[in-house]
């Protein structure tokens, strides 16, 4: 296969420099950042193109050796909700063209876009530069619409049609799991031959089970407290409100359980939730506590201080939080949706919950509390399970997808 040395990575709606857990920043930020850095370590230079979100941002920043982040002027230089970004696609593509004009011919070997907004730009740029486009969906509109929860809103038609165009026009599609690959094929008509399954990774240097007791003591949680952690964007799709309702259910039935729930994150876009009023109405102000997003080293400390990490999501393409928590030796209690059944080994590293009612989740929390031996066994299995998901493996498989795209790509002929 031909070598791939340089990649243009598109991440329009969020930057790898943003703090995960706030606004529209989440697992995808971790993914783009970690993948780019690991690709550089295996010999592939990466330039990440994202949108300038403040007037004072430099035009480019070095993320690490071999990785440059370029902030392009597309629309107003401020944070914007992702719902308005499709209207900026043309100006974003023009901004990329302005940058690539300054570079020597043949600077890039492939283009790798993340999320549908970037994929639409990727189609335009790949045609202009005559390069293969590799695309990672991360989430898909038709999947989200099928699993729509009460109170949620349908994904817009412009996104559905945009994703359909990407599936048709991209050279390769990278899916996080076999479930996502099957959804690309069944819901979008993707050809199985051009879908590569590449699981995300985890930073095993940061997320590991060392010093669990010390982490718990540092954060102030007594050993007899049953500590549950949620980490993610505070929006309905992620289900933190369900955790509050489950805590109310459990407290009513089992007031003897010394439950403490820590919810780490901030609101996101039009579906942002105000959890504090819910907590106050339920009389849980001493049980459920809200914290702002934290950096990776601190997040790992929170995971190590937890008895259980909860993921009551309504949809997840994979669930990096589940992988990071398991790497810290903490079992995960997760909804049986999307890629979570592949991120978690049910009964060995965590427990999958079939449904989204407060009663189901209250009962699941009760089971985890009462089963101290079960938690210990799951935690040990979780730490071993996560060892198979280092970012180097993700980068090597992604590089293989790049090489396949280059090998099979047929440049457009000029007439």
Protein backbone atom coordinates (compact mmCIF):
# COMPACT_ATOMS: atom_id res chain seq x y z
CA UNK A 1 0.00 0.00 0.00
CA UNK A 2 1.21 3.57 -0.68
CA UNK A 3 2.58 5.49 2.33
CA UNK A 4 0.53 8.23 3.97
CA UNK A 5 2.60 10.99 5.54
CA UNK A 6 0.27 14.00 5.85
CA UNK A 7 -3.39 14.27 6.84
CA UNK A 8 -5.76 17.23 6.78
CA UNK A 9 -8.22 16.61 9.63
CA UNK A 10 -11.49 18.58 9.65
CA UNK A 11 -13.32 19.29 12.92
CA UNK A 12 -15.55 22.26 12.19
CA UNK A 13 -17.96 22.32 15.10
CA UNK A 14 -15.51 21.68 17.90
CA UNK A 15 -11.78 22.00 18.49
CA UNK A 16 -9.42 19.40 19.97
CA UNK A 17 -8.22 22.23 22.21
CA UNK A 18 -11.67 22.64 23.86
CA UNK A 19 -12.42 21.28 27.33
CA UNK A 20 -14.59 18.12 27.05
CA UNK A 21 -17.84 18.13 29.00
CA UNK A 22 -18.80 21.72 28.26
CA UNK A 23 -20.80 23.21 25.39
CA UNK A 24 -20.57 20.94 22.35
CA UNK A 25 -17.23 19.53 23.48
CA UNK A 26 -17.21 15.88 24.45
CA UNK A 27 -15.84 12.53 23.44
CA UNK A 28 -15.20 13.69 19.89
CA UNK A 29 -12.75 16.33 21.15
CA UNK A 30 -10.84 13.63 23.00
CA UNK A 31 -10.97 11.43 19.91
CA UNK A 32 -9.62 14.04 17.47
CA UNK A 33 -6.93 15.22 19.86
CA UNK A 34 -5.73 11.75 20.87
CA UNK A 35 -5.89 10.30 17.36
CA UNK A 36 -3.93 13.22 15.87
CA UNK A 37 -1.19 12.98 18.48
CA UNK A 38 -0.87 9.21 18.11
CA UNK A 39 -0.84 9.40 14.30
CA UNK A 40 2.10 11.81 14.62
CA UNK A 41 3.88 9.33 16.87
CA UNK A 42 3.60 6.63 14.21
CA UNK A 43 4.97 8.96 11.52
CA UNK A 44 1.91 10.73 10.05
CA UNK A 45 1.84 14.53 10.38
CA UNK A 46 -1.60 16.02 11.04
CA UNK A 47 -3.08 19.47 10.52
CA UNK A 48 -6.43 19.91 12.25
CA UNK A 49 -8.67 22.56 10.69
CA UNK A 50 -11.28 24.00 13.02
CA UNK A 51 -13.24 27.23 13.32
CA UNK A 52 -11.88 30.25 15.20
CA UNK A 53 -14.19 30.70 18.18
CA UNK A 54 -12.67 33.92 19.58
CA UNK A 55 -11.07 37.00 18.09
CA UNK A 56 -7.85 36.51 20.02
CA UNK A 57 -7.08 32.98 18.86
CA UNK A 58 -3.84 32.56 16.91
CA UNK A 59 -4.12 31.37 13.33
CA UNK A 60 -2.32 28.17 14.29
CA UNK A 61 -1.14 26.35 17.40
CA UNK A 62 1.05 23.33 17.90
CA UNK A 63 -0.91 20.64 19.72
CA UNK A 64 2.16 18.43 19.92
CA UNK A 65 5.09 17.27 17.77
CA UNK A 66 3.76 16.74 14.25
CA UNK A 67 0.27 18.15 14.99
CA UNK A 68 -0.86 21.69 14.09
CA UNK A 69 -4.31 23.11 14.85
CA UNK A 70 -5.39 25.83 12.40
CA UNK A 71 -8.17 28.23 13.42
CA UNK A 72 -10.03 29.36 10.31
CA UNK A 73 -12.20 32.45 10.03
CA UNK A 74 -15.68 31.19 9.22
CA UNK A 75 -18.55 33.22 10.59
CA UNK A 76 -18.37 35.31 13.78
CA UNK A 77 -15.33 34.64 15.98
CA UNK A 78 -17.27 33.39 18.98
CA UNK A 79 -18.74 30.16 20.29
CA UNK A 80 -21.74 29.13 18.21
CA UNK A 81 -24.26 26.33 18.74
CA UNK A 82 -23.65 23.49 16.31
CA UNK A 83 -27.17 23.91 14.92
CA UNK A 84 -26.13 27.08 13.05
CA UNK A 85 -22.84 25.76 11.69
CA UNK A 86 -24.15 24.13 8.48
CA UNK A 87 -24.67 27.65 7.15
CA UNK A 88 -20.94 28.28 7.54
CA UNK A 89 -19.79 25.26 5.53
CA UNK A 90 -19.08 27.22 2.35
CA UNK A 91 -17.05 29.92 4.13
CA UNK A 92 -15.19 27.22 6.06
CA UNK A 93 -14.29 25.40 2.83
CA UNK A 94 -13.13 28.73 1.37
CA UNK A 95 -10.98 29.32 4.44
CA UNK A 96 -9.33 25.93 4.06
CA UNK A 97 -8.71 26.69 0.39
CA UNK A 98 -7.00 29.94 1.41
CA UNK A 99 -4.66 28.01 3.69
CA UNK A 100 -3.93 25.20 1.25
CA UNK A 101 -3.09 27.74 -1.46
CA UNK A 102 -0.13 28.74 0.68
CA UNK A 103 1.14 25.18 0.84
CA UNK A 104 3.14 23.30 -1.73
CA UNK A 105 1.38 20.96 -4.13
CA UNK A 106 0.91 17.50 -2.69
CA UNK A 107 1.07 18.69 0.91
CA UNK A 108 -1.72 16.36 2.00
CA UNK A 109 -2.28 12.69 1.17
CA UNK A 110 -5.82 12.34 2.58
CA UNK A 111 -8.59 14.33 4.24
CA UNK A 112 -10.25 12.96 7.39
CA UNK A 113 -13.47 14.66 8.49
CA UNK A 114 -15.29 14.26 11.81
CA UNK A 115 -19.06 14.68 12.26
CA UNK A 116 -21.48 15.52 9.47
CA UNK A 117 -20.85 19.29 9.35
CA UNK A 118 -17.17 18.67 8.66
CA UNK A 119 -18.01 15.86 6.27
CA UNK A 120 -19.94 18.21 4.02
CA UNK A 121 -16.96 20.54 3.90
CA UNK A 122 -14.73 17.53 3.33
CA UNK A 123 -16.63 16.58 0.19
CA UNK A 124 -16.08 20.05 -1.25
CA UNK A 125 -12.41 20.25 -0.31
CA UNK A 126 -11.58 16.70 -1.41
CA UNK A 127 -12.93 17.41 -4.88
CA UNK A 128 -11.05 20.69 -5.10
CA UNK A 129 -7.79 19.08 -3.97
CA UNK A 130 -8.36 15.76 -5.75
CA UNK A 131 -7.79 13.76 -2.57
CA UNK A 132 -9.63 10.86 -0.95
CA UNK A 133 -11.98 11.69 1.92
CA UNK A 134 -12.19 9.48 4.99
CA UNK A 135 -15.10 10.27 7.29
CA UNK A 136 -15.99 9.41 10.90
CA UNK A 137 -19.67 9.99 11.73
CA UNK A 138 -19.40 9.82 15.57
CA UNK A 139 -23.21 10.13 15.74
CA UNK A 140 -25.88 9.77 13.06
CA UNK A 141 -29.21 11.55 12.64
CA UNK A 142 -31.23 8.52 11.62
CA UNK A 143 -29.93 6.55 14.60
CA UNK A 144 -30.75 9.38 17.01
CA UNK A 145 -34.23 9.78 15.52
CA UNK A 146 -34.95 6.08 15.90
CA UNK A 147 -34.01 6.21 19.57
CA UNK A 148 -35.61 9.55 20.28
CA UNK A 149 -36.51 9.92 23.94
CA UNK A 150 -39.50 11.75 25.38
CA UNK A 151 -38.97 15.50 25.25
CA UNK A 152 -36.29 15.25 22.55
CA UNK A 153 -36.40 16.85 19.13
CA UNK A 154 -35.90 15.16 15.77
CA UNK A 155 -32.66 15.78 13.92
CA UNK A 156 -33.25 18.13 10.95
CA UNK A 157 -33.65 16.91 7.37
CA UNK A 158 -30.58 18.92 6.30
CA UNK A 159 -28.46 16.71 8.53
CA UNK A 160 -30.02 13.49 7.27
CA UNK A 161 -29.45 14.46 3.63
CA UNK A 162 -25.96 15.75 4.44
CA UNK A 163 -25.00 12.43 6.00
CA UNK A 164 -26.43 10.58 3.03
CA UNK A 165 -24.25 12.64 0.68
CA UNK A 166 -21.18 11.92 2.81
CA UNK A 167 -21.83 8.17 2.77
CA UNK A 168 -22.14 8.29 -1.01
CA UNK A 169 -19.14 10.54 -1.63
CA UNK A 170 -16.49 9.53 0.92
CA UNK A 171 -13.76 7.11 -0.09
CA UNK A 172 -13.80 5.34 3.30
CA UNK A 173 -16.07 5.44 6.35
CA UNK A 174 -14.67 4.72 9.81
CA UNK A 175 -17.14 3.22 12.30
CA UNK A 176 -16.45 2.90 16.01
CA UNK A 177 -18.17 -0.47 16.35
CA UNK A 178 -19.73 -3.25 14.31
CA UNK A 179 -23.11 -1.90 15.42
CA UNK A 180 -22.32 1.49 13.87
CA UNK A 181 -21.07 -0.22 10.70
CA UNK A 182 -24.36 -2.13 10.42
CA UNK A 183 -26.31 1.12 10.92
CA UNK A 184 -24.34 2.81 8.13
CA UNK A 185 -25.25 -0.05 5.84
CA UNK A 186 -28.92 -0.48 6.83
CA UNK A 187 -29.91 3.17 7.35
CA UNK A 188 -27.71 4.91 4.76
CA UNK A 189 -27.02 2.20 2.20
CA UNK A 190 -23.26 2.27 2.78
CA UNK A 191 -21.25 -0.40 1.00
CA UNK A 192 -19.74 -2.81 3.51
CA UNK A 193 -16.53 -2.83 1.46
CA UNK A 194 -15.75 0.79 2.27
CA UNK A 195 -16.53 0.71 6.01
CA UNK A 196 -13.60 0.17 8.38
CA UNK A 197 -14.29 -0.63 12.04
CA UNK A 198 -11.83 1.13 14.33
CA UNK A 199 -12.57 1.35 18.05
CA UNK A 200 -11.58 4.55 19.89
CA UNK A 201 -8.79 4.36 22.41
CA UNK A 202 -8.02 5.45 25.94
CA UNK A 203 -5.00 7.21 27.41
CA UNK A 204 -3.74 4.44 29.69
CA UNK A 205 -1.09 6.70 31.21
CA UNK A 206 -3.78 9.04 32.52
CA UNK A 207 -6.65 6.61 33.11
CA UNK A 208 -5.43 3.73 35.27
CA UNK A 209 -6.44 2.06 38.56
CA UNK A 210 -3.49 3.30 40.64
CA UNK A 211 -4.16 5.05 43.97
CA UNK A 212 -7.91 4.49 44.11
CA UNK A 213 -8.12 4.92 47.88
CA UNK A 214 -5.97 8.04 47.73
CA UNK A 215 -8.19 9.54 45.00
CA UNK A 216 -11.28 8.91 47.10
CA UNK A 217 -9.72 10.49 50.18
CA UNK A 218 -8.42 13.48 48.19
CA UNK A 219 -11.92 14.23 46.89
CA UNK A 220 -13.43 13.78 50.37
CA UNK A 221 -15.57 10.66 50.01
CA UNK A 222 -15.69 8.34 53.01
CA UNK A 223 -15.20 4.63 52.40
CA UNK A 224 -18.75 3.75 53.48
CA UNK A 225 -20.35 6.19 50.99
CA UNK A 226 -21.80 4.68 47.81
CA UNK A 227 -20.36 7.12 45.28
CA UNK A 228 -21.76 7.28 41.73
CA UNK A 229 -20.18 9.52 39.07
CA UNK A 230 -21.66 10.85 35.83
CA UNK A 231 -19.37 12.72 33.42
CA UNK A 232 -20.57 14.32 30.20
CA UNK A 233 -22.60 17.06 28.61
CA UNK A 234 -25.69 18.05 30.61
CA UNK A 235 -28.29 17.34 27.96
CA UNK A 236 -31.22 14.95 27.63
CA UNK A 237 -29.42 12.66 25.21
CA UNK A 238 -26.87 11.79 27.91
CA UNK A 239 -29.57 11.13 30.53
CA UNK A 240 -28.28 12.87 33.69
CA UNK A 241 -31.89 13.77 34.58
CA UNK A 242 -32.66 10.06 34.66
CA UNK A 243 -29.95 9.61 37.27
CA UNK A 244 -31.59 12.28 39.44
CA UNK A 245 -34.96 10.53 39.14
CA UNK A 246 -33.34 7.16 39.93
CA UNK A 247 -31.73 8.66 43.04
CA UNK A 248 -35.14 9.88 44.18
CA UNK A 249 -36.60 6.40 43.61
CA UNK A 250 -33.75 4.72 45.48
CA UNK A 251 -33.81 7.17 48.40
CA UNK A 252 -37.54 6.53 48.90
CA UNK A 253 -37.09 2.74 49.00
CA UNK A 254 -33.66 2.45 50.61
CA UNK A 255 -32.94 5.42 52.86
CA UNK A 256 -30.26 3.27 54.50
CA UNK A 257 -27.98 3.55 51.42
CA UNK A 258 -25.45 6.40 51.91
CA UNK A 259 -25.75 7.52 48.27
CA UNK A 260 -23.70 10.34 46.80
CA UNK A 261 -23.98 11.23 43.10
CA UNK A 262 -21.44 13.54 41.44
CA UNK A 263 -22.50 14.97 38.07
CA UNK A 264 -19.56 16.50 36.18
CA UNK A 265 -20.20 18.60 33.07
CA UNK A 266 -22.07 21.59 31.71
CA UNK A 267 -25.01 22.33 29.44
CA UNK A 268 -24.90 21.93 25.68
CA UNK A 269 -26.89 23.71 22.98
CA UNK A 270 -30.65 23.71 22.68
CA UNK A 271 -31.02 20.50 24.70
CA UNK A 272 -29.16 21.76 27.76
CA UNK A 273 -30.76 20.77 31.06
CA UNK A 274 -31.15 22.72 34.28
CA UNK A 275 -30.59 19.97 36.83
CA UNK A 276 -30.42 21.99 40.04
CA UNK A 277 -34.19 22.74 40.13
CA UNK A 278 -34.87 19.00 39.63
CA UNK A 279 -32.48 18.16 42.45
CA UNK A 280 -34.07 20.71 44.78
CA UNK A 281 -37.64 19.59 44.00
CA UNK A 282 -36.67 16.00 44.80
CA UNK A 283 -35.05 17.03 48.08
CA UNK A 284 -31.70 15.61 46.93
CA UNK A 285 -29.50 18.68 47.49
CA UNK A 286 -27.39 16.70 49.96
CA UNK A 287 -27.23 13.63 47.69
CA UNK A 288 -26.68 14.90 44.14
CA UNK A 289 -23.95 17.47 43.49
CA UNK A 290 -23.07 19.31 40.27
CA UNK A 291 -19.49 20.07 39.22
CA UNK A 292 -18.02 21.86 36.17
CA UNK A 293 -16.01 19.96 33.54
CA UNK A 294 -12.50 18.97 34.59
CA UNK A 295 -9.31 18.12 32.73
CA UNK A 296 -8.32 14.53 32.06
CA UNK A 297 -6.01 14.03 35.06
CA UNK A 298 -8.68 15.29 37.44
CA UNK A 299 -11.40 13.29 35.67
CA UNK A 300 -9.37 10.13 36.18
CA UNK A 301 -9.22 10.96 39.89
CA UNK A 302 -13.02 11.27 39.99
CA UNK A 303 -13.41 7.91 38.24
CA UNK A 304 -11.03 6.23 40.69
CA UNK A 305 -13.00 7.77 43.59
CA UNK A 306 -16.26 6.26 42.33
CA UNK A 307 -17.87 2.93 43.18
CA UNK A 308 -19.73 3.10 39.87
CA UNK A 309 -19.70 5.34 36.81
CA UNK A 310 -23.20 5.74 35.35
CA UNK A 311 -24.02 6.27 31.67
CA UNK A 312 -27.83 6.45 31.26
CA UNK A 313 -27.46 7.69 27.66
CA UNK A 314 -30.24 7.37 25.10
CA UNK A 315 -27.70 7.08 22.27
CA UNK A 316 -23.92 6.55 22.12
CA UNK A 317 -21.82 5.68 19.09
CA UNK A 318 -19.25 4.20 21.48
CA UNK A 319 -18.89 5.96 24.83
CA UNK A 320 -15.33 7.02 25.63
CA UNK A 321 -16.34 7.75 29.22
CA UNK A 322 -17.11 4.06 29.68
CA UNK A 323 -13.66 3.10 28.46
CA UNK A 324 -11.90 5.72 30.59
CA UNK A 325 -13.80 4.69 33.71
CA UNK A 326 -13.02 1.02 33.16
CA UNK A 327 -9.34 1.84 32.68
CA UNK A 328 -9.48 3.35 36.19
CA UNK A 329 -10.75 0.04 37.57
CA UNK A 330 -14.31 1.30 38.07
CA UNK A 331 -17.34 -0.70 36.88
CA UNK A 332 -19.80 1.04 34.57
CA UNK A 333 -23.58 1.00 34.81
CA UNK A 334 -24.76 1.87 31.30
CA UNK A 335 -27.80 1.89 29.07
CA UNK A 336 -27.90 -0.98 26.61
CA UNK A 337 -27.77 1.27 23.53
CA UNK A 338 -25.51 2.02 20.57
CA UNK A 339 -21.87 1.10 21.01
CA UNK A 340 -22.01 0.74 24.81
CA UNK A 341 -22.53 -3.06 24.67
CA UNK A 342 -19.22 -3.26 22.80
CA UNK A 343 -17.39 -0.81 25.05
CA UNK A 344 -18.57 -2.73 28.13
CA UNK A 345 -18.48 -6.47 28.71
CA UNK A 346 -21.82 -7.07 30.43
CA UNK A 347 -21.38 -8.95 33.68
CA UNK A 348 -17.58 -8.82 33.46
CA UNK A 349 -16.68 -5.11 33.44
CA UNK A 350 -20.04 -3.48 34.08
CA UNK A 351 -23.80 -3.90 33.91
CA UNK A 352 -26.07 -2.94 31.00
CA UNK A 353 -29.57 -1.65 31.81
CA UNK A 354 -32.38 -2.43 29.37
CA UNK A 355 -34.51 0.68 29.58
CA UNK A 356 -34.68 4.26 30.80
CA UNK A 357 -37.12 4.38 33.69
CA UNK A 358 -36.24 5.70 37.15
CA UNK A 359 -37.38 2.40 38.66
CA UNK A 360 -35.01 0.34 36.48
CA UNK A 361 -32.07 2.60 37.21
CA UNK A 362 -32.89 2.85 40.90
CA UNK A 363 -32.96 -0.95 41.10
CA UNK A 364 -29.67 -1.19 39.17
CA UNK A 365 -27.99 1.25 41.57
CA UNK A 366 -29.37 -0.77 44.49
CA UNK A 367 -27.91 -3.98 43.07
CA UNK A 368 -24.52 -2.37 42.62
CA UNK A 369 -24.57 -1.01 46.18
CA UNK A 370 -25.55 -4.31 47.76
CA UNK A 371 -23.02 -6.30 45.74
CA UNK A 372 -19.67 -5.12 47.09
CA UNK A 373 -18.03 -8.33 45.88
CA UNK A 374 -19.63 -7.86 42.48
CA UNK A 375 -18.25 -4.32 42.23
CA UNK A 376 -14.76 -5.55 43.08
CA UNK A 377 -14.88 -8.30 40.46
CA UNK A 378 -16.28 -5.96 37.82
CA UNK A 379 -13.62 -3.35 38.60
CA UNK A 380 -10.82 -5.85 38.15
CA UNK A 381 -12.30 -7.07 34.88
CA UNK A 382 -12.78 -3.47 33.73
CA UNK A 383 -9.11 -2.55 34.21
CA UNK A 384 -7.97 -5.60 32.22
CA UNK A 385 -10.56 -5.00 29.49
CA UNK A 386 -9.42 -1.42 28.91
CA UNK A 387 -5.82 -2.47 28.29
CA UNK A 388 -6.82 -3.64 24.80
CA UNK A 389 -7.88 -0.10 23.79
CA UNK A 390 -4.72 1.98 23.64
CA UNK A 391 -4.70 4.93 21.21
CA UNK A 392 -1.73 3.48 19.31
CA UNK A 393 -3.92 0.62 18.11
CA UNK A 394 -6.58 3.11 17.00
CA UNK A 395 -3.98 5.17 15.12
CA UNK A 396 -2.47 2.16 13.35
CA UNK A 397 -5.87 0.90 12.17
CA UNK A 398 -6.84 4.42 11.08
CA UNK A 399 -3.58 4.71 9.12
CA UNK A 400 -4.44 1.44 7.41
CA UNK A 401 -7.81 2.93 6.39
CA UNK A 402 -5.95 5.95 4.98
CA UNK A 403 -3.64 3.73 2.94
CA UNK A 404 -6.56 1.75 1.54
CA UNK A 405 -8.28 5.00 0.55
CA UNK A 406 -5.18 6.22 -1.30
CA UNK A 407 -4.65 2.88 -3.00
CA UNK A 408 -8.22 2.67 -4.30
CA UNK A 409 -8.73 6.35 -5.03
CA UNK A 410 -9.32 7.34 -8.63
CA UNK A 411 -8.57 11.05 -9.13
CA UNK A 412 -11.06 13.02 -11.15
CA UNK A 413 -9.94 13.73 -14.69
CA UNK A 414 -9.80 17.33 -15.87
CA UNK A 415 -11.84 17.99 -19.00
